């Protein structure tokens, strides 16, 4: 009776295929409905959004620029120098690579 078994297997396969197709269609419809609902929520705003009042600082005029003037900096910037304590300390960072051998070092570039 291989014919009966084949028909039963075909019916089972078609049932599984139809249920998977229906589940996919259901998910698609639900996704589209959610997208449409989100776009309606954006359009459903009844009042205009509140706008803040301008502060008093904005009404003031900026300081007058002087050509060639110095920029005021408080405190004065300091050059970045490592501390002398950390330079010679045992915990100082060591180079990751050893120095290049002499045959790998190129001659200096000549200025034109």
N, C-alpha and C. Protein backbone atom coordinates (compact mmCIF):
# COMPACT_ATOMS: atom_id res chain seq x y z
N UNK A 1 0.79 -1.18 0.00
CA UNK A 1 0.00 0.00 0.00
C UNK A 1 0.86 1.28 0.00
N UNK A 2 1.80 1.37 -0.87
CA UNK A 2 2.59 2.58 -0.90
C UNK A 2 1.77 3.79 -1.34
N UNK A 3 0.70 3.63 -2.10
CA UNK A 3 -0.10 4.75 -2.55
C UNK A 3 -0.79 5.45 -1.39
N UNK A 4 -1.34 4.71 -0.44
CA UNK A 4 -2.01 5.29 0.72
C UNK A 4 -1.01 6.09 1.58
N UNK A 5 0.18 5.52 1.76
CA UNK A 5 1.21 6.19 2.57
C UNK A 5 1.65 7.49 1.90
N UNK A 6 1.81 7.46 0.57
CA UNK A 6 2.22 8.66 -0.15
C UNK A 6 1.16 9.75 -0.04
N UNK A 7 -0.12 9.37 -0.15
CA UNK A 7 -1.20 10.35 -0.05
C UNK A 7 -1.25 10.96 1.36
N UNK A 8 -1.05 10.16 2.36
CA UNK A 8 -1.07 10.64 3.74
C UNK A 8 0.11 11.59 3.98
N UNK A 9 1.28 11.24 3.47
CA UNK A 9 2.46 12.10 3.62
C UNK A 9 2.28 13.42 2.87
N UNK A 10 1.70 13.35 1.67
CA UNK A 10 1.44 14.56 0.89
C UNK A 10 0.46 15.47 1.62
N UNK A 11 -0.59 14.87 2.18
CA UNK A 11 -1.58 15.65 2.91
C UNK A 11 -0.94 16.33 4.13
N UNK A 12 -0.09 15.62 4.84
CA UNK A 12 0.60 16.19 5.99
C UNK A 12 1.52 17.33 5.56
N UNK A 13 2.27 17.12 4.48
CA UNK A 13 3.17 18.16 3.98
C UNK A 13 2.40 19.40 3.54
N UNK A 14 1.27 19.21 2.86
CA UNK A 14 0.47 20.35 2.43
C UNK A 14 -0.13 21.08 3.63
N UNK A 15 -0.53 20.36 4.65
CA UNK A 15 -1.08 20.99 5.85
C UNK A 15 -0.01 21.84 6.54
N UNK A 16 1.19 21.31 6.64
CA UNK A 16 2.30 22.06 7.27
C UNK A 16 2.63 23.29 6.43
N UNK A 17 2.68 23.14 5.11
CA UNK A 17 3.00 24.26 4.22
C UNK A 17 1.95 25.35 4.31
N UNK A 18 0.68 24.96 4.32
CA UNK A 18 -0.40 25.95 4.40
C UNK A 18 -0.38 26.67 5.75
N UNK A 19 -0.10 25.95 6.83
CA UNK A 19 -0.06 26.60 8.14
C UNK A 19 1.12 27.57 8.24
N UNK A 20 2.26 27.22 7.66
CA UNK A 20 3.40 28.13 7.66
C UNK A 20 3.11 29.36 6.81
N UNK A 21 2.45 29.17 5.67
CA UNK A 21 2.10 30.30 4.82
C UNK A 21 1.11 31.22 5.54
N UNK A 22 0.13 30.64 6.22
CA UNK A 22 -0.86 31.44 6.95
C UNK A 22 -0.18 32.21 8.09
N UNK A 23 0.76 31.59 8.78
CA UNK A 23 1.46 32.27 9.86
C UNK A 23 2.29 33.44 9.31
N UNK A 24 2.94 33.25 8.18
CA UNK A 24 3.70 34.34 7.57
C UNK A 24 2.81 35.48 7.13
N UNK A 25 1.66 35.14 6.54
CA UNK A 25 0.72 36.18 6.12
C UNK A 25 0.19 36.94 7.34
N UNK A 26 -0.08 36.25 8.43
CA UNK A 26 -0.57 36.89 9.64
C UNK A 26 0.47 37.85 10.21
N UNK A 27 1.72 37.43 10.25
CA UNK A 27 2.79 38.30 10.75
C UNK A 27 2.93 39.54 9.86
N UNK A 28 2.83 39.36 8.55
CA UNK A 28 2.93 40.50 7.64
C UNK A 28 1.80 41.49 7.85
N UNK A 29 0.59 41.00 8.00
CA UNK A 29 -0.56 41.87 8.21
C UNK A 29 -0.43 42.61 9.53
N UNK A 30 0.01 41.93 10.57
CA UNK A 30 0.17 42.58 11.87
C UNK A 30 1.25 43.66 11.81
N UNK A 31 2.33 43.40 11.08
CA UNK A 31 3.40 44.38 10.95
C UNK A 31 2.92 45.62 10.21
N UNK A 32 2.18 45.42 9.12
CA UNK A 32 1.65 46.55 8.38
C UNK A 32 0.67 47.36 9.21
N UNK A 33 -0.15 46.68 9.99
CA UNK A 33 -1.10 47.39 10.85
C UNK A 33 -0.36 48.22 11.90
N UNK A 34 0.73 47.69 12.45
CA UNK A 34 1.49 48.44 13.44
C UNK A 34 2.18 49.64 12.82
N UNK A 35 2.69 49.49 11.61
CA UNK A 35 3.34 50.62 10.92
C UNK A 35 2.32 51.72 10.66
N UNK A 36 1.14 51.35 10.21
CA UNK A 36 0.10 52.35 9.95
C UNK A 36 -0.33 53.02 11.25
N UNK A 37 -0.42 52.28 12.33
CA UNK A 37 -0.82 52.85 13.62
C UNK A 37 0.22 53.85 14.11
N UNK A 38 1.50 53.56 13.90
CA UNK A 38 2.56 54.48 14.32
C UNK A 38 2.49 55.77 13.53
N UNK A 39 2.24 55.69 12.23
CA UNK A 39 2.18 56.90 11.43
C UNK A 39 0.97 57.74 11.80
N UNK A 40 -0.13 57.11 12.22
CA UNK A 40 -1.31 57.86 12.66
C UNK A 40 -1.03 58.53 14.01
N UNK A 41 -0.25 57.88 14.85
CA UNK A 41 0.06 58.47 16.14
C UNK A 41 0.88 59.74 15.96
N UNK A 42 1.73 59.79 14.99
CA UNK A 42 2.53 60.98 14.74
C UNK A 42 1.65 62.12 14.24
N UNK A 43 0.63 61.83 13.47
CA UNK A 43 -0.24 62.85 12.91
C UNK A 43 -1.33 63.28 13.89
N UNK A 44 -1.52 62.57 14.97
CA UNK A 44 -2.63 62.83 15.88
C UNK A 44 -2.32 63.87 16.94
N UNK A 45 -1.33 64.70 16.73
CA UNK A 45 -0.98 65.69 17.73
C UNK A 45 -1.99 66.84 17.66
N UNK A 46 -2.69 67.10 18.76
CA UNK A 46 -3.77 68.08 18.76
C UNK A 46 -3.26 69.50 18.90
N UNK A 47 -2.23 69.72 19.70
CA UNK A 47 -1.73 71.07 19.93
C UNK A 47 -0.32 71.19 19.38
N UNK A 48 0.09 72.40 19.17
CA UNK A 48 1.44 72.65 18.71
C UNK A 48 2.42 72.35 19.84
N UNK A 49 3.62 71.89 19.54
CA UNK A 49 4.59 71.65 20.60
C UNK A 49 4.98 72.96 21.27
N UNK A 50 5.25 72.90 22.56
CA UNK A 50 5.63 74.09 23.31
C UNK A 50 7.01 74.57 22.91
N UNK A 51 7.14 75.87 22.79
CA UNK A 51 8.43 76.45 22.46
C UNK A 51 8.90 77.27 23.65
N UNK A 52 10.14 77.10 24.01
CA UNK A 52 10.69 77.81 25.16
C UNK A 52 10.85 79.29 24.85
N UNK A 53 10.79 80.10 25.88
CA UNK A 53 11.00 81.53 25.69
C UNK A 53 12.49 81.79 25.64
N UNK A 54 12.91 82.74 24.84
CA UNK A 54 14.35 83.01 24.77
C UNK A 54 14.85 83.59 26.10
N UNK A 55 16.01 83.16 26.49
CA UNK A 55 16.57 83.62 27.75
C UNK A 55 17.16 85.01 27.60
N UNK A 56 17.48 85.62 28.72
CA UNK A 56 18.04 86.97 28.70
C UNK A 56 19.44 86.99 28.10
N UNK A 57 20.14 85.86 28.17
CA UNK A 57 21.51 85.80 27.65
C UNK A 57 21.54 85.96 26.15
N UNK A 58 20.49 85.57 25.48
CA UNK A 58 20.49 85.66 24.03
C UNK A 58 20.30 87.09 23.54
N UNK A 59 19.70 87.95 24.35
CA UNK A 59 19.48 89.33 23.93
C UNK A 59 20.76 90.16 24.02
N UNK A 60 21.74 89.71 24.78
CA UNK A 60 23.00 90.44 24.92
C UNK A 60 23.81 90.32 23.63
N UNK A 61 24.52 91.37 23.31
CA UNK A 61 25.37 91.34 22.13
C UNK A 61 26.69 90.70 22.50
N UNK A 62 27.30 90.01 21.56
CA UNK A 62 28.59 89.37 21.86
C UNK A 62 29.68 90.42 22.02
N UNK A 63 30.76 90.02 22.65
CA UNK A 63 31.89 90.91 22.86
C UNK A 63 32.47 91.31 21.52
N UNK A 64 32.96 92.53 21.47
CA UNK A 64 33.50 93.05 20.22
C UNK A 64 34.85 92.40 19.93
N UNK A 65 35.02 91.96 18.69
CA UNK A 65 36.27 91.30 18.30
C UNK A 65 37.30 92.35 17.92
N UNK A 66 38.52 92.14 18.38
CA UNK A 66 39.61 93.05 18.04
C UNK A 66 40.56 92.32 17.11
N UNK A 67 40.85 92.90 15.95
CA UNK A 67 41.78 92.22 15.05
C UNK A 67 43.18 92.15 15.66
N UNK A 68 43.76 90.99 15.59
CA UNK A 68 45.12 90.78 16.10
C UNK A 68 45.18 90.69 17.61
N UNK A 69 44.04 90.64 18.26
CA UNK A 69 44.03 90.59 19.71
C UNK A 69 44.33 89.19 20.21
N UNK A 70 44.65 89.11 21.49
CA UNK A 70 44.93 87.82 22.11
C UNK A 70 43.62 87.21 22.59
N UNK A 71 43.57 85.91 22.55
CA UNK A 71 42.41 85.20 23.09
C UNK A 71 42.60 85.05 24.59
N UNK A 72 41.64 85.48 25.35
CA UNK A 72 41.80 85.30 26.80
C UNK A 72 41.60 83.84 27.18
N UNK A 73 42.52 83.32 27.91
CA UNK A 73 42.39 81.95 28.40
C UNK A 73 42.63 81.96 29.89
N UNK A 74 41.73 81.32 30.60
CA UNK A 74 41.87 81.25 32.05
C UNK A 74 41.75 79.82 32.48
N UNK A 75 42.63 79.22 33.10
CA UNK A 75 44.02 79.62 33.30
C UNK A 75 44.83 79.44 32.01
N UNK A 76 46.02 80.00 32.01
CA UNK A 76 46.85 79.91 30.82
C UNK A 76 47.20 78.46 30.53
N UNK A 77 47.17 78.07 29.24
CA UNK A 77 47.49 76.68 28.92
C UNK A 77 48.95 76.37 29.18
N UNK A 78 49.19 75.15 29.58
CA UNK A 78 50.56 74.71 29.83
C UNK A 78 50.93 73.63 28.83
N UNK A 79 52.20 73.59 28.42
CA UNK A 79 52.59 72.54 27.49
C UNK A 79 52.51 71.17 28.14
N UNK A 80 52.21 70.18 27.36
CA UNK A 80 52.09 68.82 27.88
C UNK A 80 53.48 68.23 28.04
N UNK A 81 53.89 68.06 29.28
CA UNK A 81 55.18 67.44 29.58
C UNK A 81 54.94 66.33 30.59
N UNK A 82 55.55 65.19 30.38
CA UNK A 82 55.39 64.14 31.38
C UNK A 82 56.12 64.50 32.66
N UNK A 83 55.61 64.01 33.74
CA UNK A 83 56.24 64.26 35.04
C UNK A 83 57.61 63.60 35.08
N UNK A 84 58.53 64.24 35.77
CA UNK A 84 59.87 63.66 35.89
C UNK A 84 59.85 62.40 36.74
N UNK A 85 58.89 62.29 37.63
CA UNK A 85 58.80 61.11 38.48
C UNK A 85 58.43 59.87 37.66
N UNK A 86 57.55 60.04 36.70
CA UNK A 86 57.08 58.87 35.95
C UNK A 86 58.02 58.50 34.81
N UNK A 87 58.91 59.40 34.41
CA UNK A 87 59.80 59.08 33.30
C UNK A 87 60.79 57.99 33.66
N UNK A 88 61.37 58.06 34.81
CA UNK A 88 62.40 57.10 35.17
C UNK A 88 61.90 55.99 36.07
N UNK A 89 60.62 55.97 36.33
CA UNK A 89 60.08 54.96 37.25
C UNK A 89 60.14 53.58 36.62
N UNK A 90 60.14 52.56 37.46
CA UNK A 90 60.21 51.19 36.99
C UNK A 90 58.92 50.80 36.27
N UNK A 91 57.82 51.46 36.59
CA UNK A 91 56.54 51.13 35.97
C UNK A 91 56.30 51.88 34.67
N UNK A 92 57.32 52.58 34.17
CA UNK A 92 57.15 53.34 32.94
C UNK A 92 56.91 52.37 31.77
N UNK A 93 56.19 52.86 30.79
CA UNK A 93 55.86 52.01 29.63
C UNK A 93 57.11 51.75 28.82
N UNK A 94 57.26 50.53 28.40
CA UNK A 94 58.40 50.15 27.57
C UNK A 94 57.93 50.04 26.13
N UNK A 95 58.81 50.27 25.16
CA UNK A 95 58.38 50.18 23.77
C UNK A 95 57.87 48.78 23.45
N UNK A 96 56.84 48.72 22.62
CA UNK A 96 56.23 47.43 22.29
C UNK A 96 57.14 46.61 21.38
N UNK A 97 57.89 47.29 20.52
CA UNK A 97 58.77 46.59 19.58
C UNK A 97 60.22 46.98 19.84
N UNK A 98 61.15 46.09 19.57
CA UNK A 98 62.57 46.45 19.70
C UNK A 98 62.95 47.41 18.58
N UNK A 99 64.06 48.11 18.73
CA UNK A 99 64.48 49.02 17.66
C UNK A 99 64.77 48.25 16.37
N UNK A 100 64.56 48.92 15.26
CA UNK A 100 64.75 48.27 13.96
C UNK A 100 66.23 48.01 13.73
N UNK A 101 66.58 46.90 13.06
CA UNK A 101 67.99 46.65 12.76
C UNK A 101 68.53 47.69 11.78
N UNK A 102 69.85 47.83 11.75
CA UNK A 102 70.48 48.88 10.95
C UNK A 102 70.15 48.75 9.47
N UNK A 103 70.01 47.53 8.94
CA UNK A 103 69.74 47.39 7.51
C UNK A 103 68.31 47.77 7.14
N UNK A 104 67.42 47.91 8.13
CA UNK A 104 66.03 48.29 7.85
C UNK A 104 65.82 49.80 7.93
N UNK A 105 66.79 50.54 8.43
CA UNK A 105 66.63 51.97 8.59
C UNK A 105 67.05 52.66 7.30
N UNK A 106 66.16 53.50 6.77
CA UNK A 106 66.41 54.20 5.51
C UNK A 106 67.25 55.46 5.77
N UNK A 107 67.95 55.92 4.75
CA UNK A 107 68.69 57.17 4.92
C UNK A 107 67.71 58.33 5.06
N UNK A 108 68.11 59.43 5.68
CA UNK A 108 67.21 60.55 5.85
C UNK A 108 66.77 61.14 4.51
N UNK A 109 65.57 61.69 4.48
CA UNK A 109 65.03 62.28 3.25
C UNK A 109 65.66 63.63 3.04
N UNK A 110 66.15 63.88 1.84
CA UNK A 110 66.79 65.15 1.51
C UNK A 110 65.71 66.19 1.21
N UNK A 111 65.94 67.41 1.68
CA UNK A 111 65.00 68.48 1.42
C UNK A 111 65.27 69.05 0.03
N UNK A 112 64.21 69.39 -0.65
CA UNK A 112 64.38 69.94 -2.03
C UNK A 112 64.47 71.43 -2.01
